[in-house]
Amino acid sequence: MGICGWIILGGLAGWVASMIAGNNSRQGLIGNIIVGIVGSFIGGAVFNHFGGVGVTGLNLYSFGVATVGAVILLFIKKLLFGKA
């Protein structure tokens, strides 16, 4: 998957994850993209650990993996830094 695919997948996954975590208004576009891309790696590691497959390309399954990872990242961030 190319850089454009990572940006699109990261932006969408980060946006959905920020709505789930309740901090959508504070994150912005660049924040959503970064959270989504990092979340893709986290989600891939989690899914691989439990016998699944990580991000496979620009598809619905990969979007789900990236979103799960981004939600995990945002909840860890909230635990470490609070609501700030």
C-alpha atoms as a PDB file:
ATOM      1  CA  MET A   1       0.000   0.000   0.000  1.00  0.00           C
ATOM      2  CA  GLY A   2       1.392   3.378  -0.984  1.00  0.00           C
ATOM      3  CA  ILE A   3       1.672   6.570   1.017  1.00  0.00           C
ATOM      4  CA  CYS A   4      -1.671   7.844  -0.292  1.00  0.00           C
ATOM      5  CA  GLY A   5      -3.365   4.665   0.895  1.00  0.00           C
ATOM      6  CA  TRP A   6      -1.808   5.023   4.351  1.00  0.00           C
ATOM      7  CA  ILE A   7      -2.963   8.656   4.565  1.00  0.00           C
ATOM      8  CA  ILE A   8      -6.517   7.812   3.492  1.00  0.00           C
ATOM      9  CA  LEU A   9      -6.797   4.759   5.736  1.00  0.00           C
ATOM     10  CA  GLY A  10      -5.144   6.589   8.634  1.00  0.00           C
ATOM     11  CA  GLY A  11      -7.352   9.638   8.296  1.00  0.00           C
ATOM     12  CA  LEU A  12     -10.568   7.648   8.216  1.00  0.00           C
ATOM     13  CA  ALA A  13      -9.572   5.246  10.993  1.00  0.00           C
ATOM     14  CA  GLY A  14      -8.289   8.087  13.186  1.00  0.00           C
ATOM     15  CA  TRP A  15     -11.485  10.070  12.649  1.00  0.00           C
ATOM     16  CA  VAL A  16     -13.764   7.160  13.576  1.00  0.00           C
ATOM     17  CA  ALA A  17     -11.565   6.256  16.557  1.00  0.00           C
ATOM     18  CA  SER A  18     -11.612   9.845  17.816  1.00  0.00           C
ATOM     19  CA  MET A  19     -15.422   9.830  17.664  1.00  0.00           C
ATOM     20  CA  ILE A  20     -15.497   6.548  19.629  1.00  0.00           C
ATOM     21  CA  ALA A  21     -13.013   7.872  22.203  1.00  0.00           C
ATOM     22  CA  GLY A  22     -14.872  11.190  22.517  1.00  0.00           C
ATOM     23  CA  ASN A  23     -12.123  13.627  21.498  1.00  0.00           C
ATOM     24  CA  ASN A  24     -13.038  14.335  17.880  1.00  0.00           C
ATOM     25  CA  SER A  25     -13.240  18.107  18.262  1.00  0.00           C
ATOM     26  CA  ARG A  26      -9.718  18.418  19.708  1.00  0.00           C
ATOM     27  CA  GLN A  27      -7.707  16.325  17.280  1.00  0.00           C
ATOM     28  CA  GLY A  28      -7.897  17.853  13.796  1.00  0.00           C
ATOM     29  CA  LEU A  29      -7.103  16.338  10.408  1.00  0.00           C
ATOM     30  CA  ILE A  30      -3.363  15.836  10.912  1.00  0.00           C
ATOM     31  CA  GLY A  31      -3.971  14.339  14.356  1.00  0.00           C
ATOM     32  CA  ASN A  32      -6.520  11.913  12.906  1.00  0.00           C
ATOM     33  CA  ILE A  33      -4.094  10.814  10.191  1.00  0.00           C
ATOM     34  CA  ILE A  34      -1.243  10.282  12.653  1.00  0.00           C
ATOM     35  CA  VAL A  35      -3.446   8.407  15.137  1.00  0.00           C
ATOM     36  CA  GLY A  36      -4.835   6.249  12.323  1.00  0.00           C
ATOM     37  CA  ILE A  37      -1.434   5.342  10.897  1.00  0.00           C
ATOM     38  CA  VAL A  38       0.056   4.538  14.309  1.00  0.00           C
ATOM     39  CA  GLY A  39      -3.185   2.714  15.126  1.00  0.00           C
ATOM     40  CA  SER A  40      -2.697   0.583  12.011  1.00  0.00           C
ATOM     41  CA  PHE A  41       0.573  -0.715  13.411  1.00  0.00           C
ATOM     42  CA  ILE A  42      -0.912  -1.264  16.875  1.00  0.00           C
ATOM     43  CA  GLY A  43      -3.996  -2.972  15.458  1.00  0.00           C
ATOM     44  CA  GLY A  44      -1.851  -5.150  13.206  1.00  0.00           C
ATOM     45  CA  ALA A  45       0.280  -6.233  16.158  1.00  0.00           C
ATOM     46  CA  VAL A  46      -2.789  -7.005  18.277  1.00  0.00           C
ATOM     47  CA  PHE A  47      -4.512  -8.951  15.506  1.00  0.00           C
ATOM     48  CA  ASN A  48      -1.313 -10.868  14.696  1.00  0.00           C
ATOM     49  CA  HIS A  49      -0.865 -11.716  18.372  1.00  0.00           C
ATOM     50  CA  PHE A  50      -4.317 -13.299  18.476  1.00  0.00           C
ATOM     51  CA  GLY A  51      -3.843 -15.223  15.228  1.00  0.00           C
ATOM     52  CA  GLY A  52      -5.425 -12.776  12.811  1.00  0.00           C
ATOM     53  CA  VAL A  53      -3.990 -10.793   9.941  1.00  0.00           C
ATOM     54  CA  GLY A  54      -2.906  -7.166  10.186  1.00  0.00           C
ATOM     55  CA  VAL A  55      -3.469  -4.420   7.626  1.00  0.00           C
ATOM     56  CA  THR A  56      -3.614  -5.975   4.152  1.00  0.00           C
ATOM     57  CA  GLY A  57      -4.316  -2.964   1.944  1.00  0.00           C
ATOM     58  CA  LEU A  58      -6.984  -0.351   1.408  1.00  0.00           C
ATOM     59  CA  ASN A  59     -10.068  -2.431   2.246  1.00  0.00           C
ATOM     60  CA  LEU A  60     -12.790  -2.719   4.881  1.00  0.00           C
ATOM     61  CA  TYR A  61     -10.931  -5.315   6.959  1.00  0.00           C
ATOM     62  CA  SER A  62      -7.817  -3.147   7.159  1.00  0.00           C
ATOM     63  CA  PHE A  63      -9.996  -0.177   8.083  1.00  0.00           C
ATOM     64  CA  GLY A  64     -11.358  -2.202  11.008  1.00  0.00           C
ATOM     65  CA  VAL A  65      -7.879  -3.252  12.123  1.00  0.00           C
ATOM     66  CA  ALA A  66      -6.630   0.340  11.953  1.00  0.00           C
ATOM     67  CA  THR A  67      -9.675   1.653  13.810  1.00  0.00           C
ATOM     68  CA  VAL A  68      -9.288  -0.891  16.625  1.00  0.00           C
ATOM     69  CA  GLY A  69      -5.614   0.042  16.938  1.00  0.00           C
ATOM     70  CA  ALA A  70      -6.396   3.761  16.909  1.00  0.00           C
ATOM     71  CA  VAL A  71      -9.021   3.336  19.639  1.00  0.00           C
ATOM     72  CA  ILE A  72      -6.475   1.427  21.730  1.00  0.00           C
ATOM     73  CA  LEU A  73      -3.943   4.229  21.161  1.00  0.00           C
ATOM     74  CA  LEU A  74      -6.416   6.956  22.155  1.00  0.00           C
ATOM     75  CA  PHE A  75      -7.482   5.146  25.320  1.00  0.00           C
ATOM     76  CA  ILE A  76      -3.834   4.624  26.317  1.00  0.00           C
ATOM     77  CA  LYS A  77      -3.217   8.317  25.656  1.00  0.00           C
ATOM     78  CA  LYS A  78      -6.224   9.213  27.814  1.00  0.00           C
ATOM     79  CA  LEU A  79      -4.962   6.962  30.632  1.00  0.00           C
ATOM     80  CA  LEU A  80      -1.475   8.481  30.542  1.00  0.00           C
ATOM     81  CA  PHE A  81      -2.275  12.137  29.978  1.00  0.00           C
ATOM     82  CA  GLY A  82      -5.872  12.538  31.125  1.00  0.00           C
ATOM     83  CA  LYS A  83      -8.310  14.685  29.178  1.00  0.00           C
ATOM     84  CA  ALA A  84      -5.744  17.345  28.245  1.00  0.00           C
END
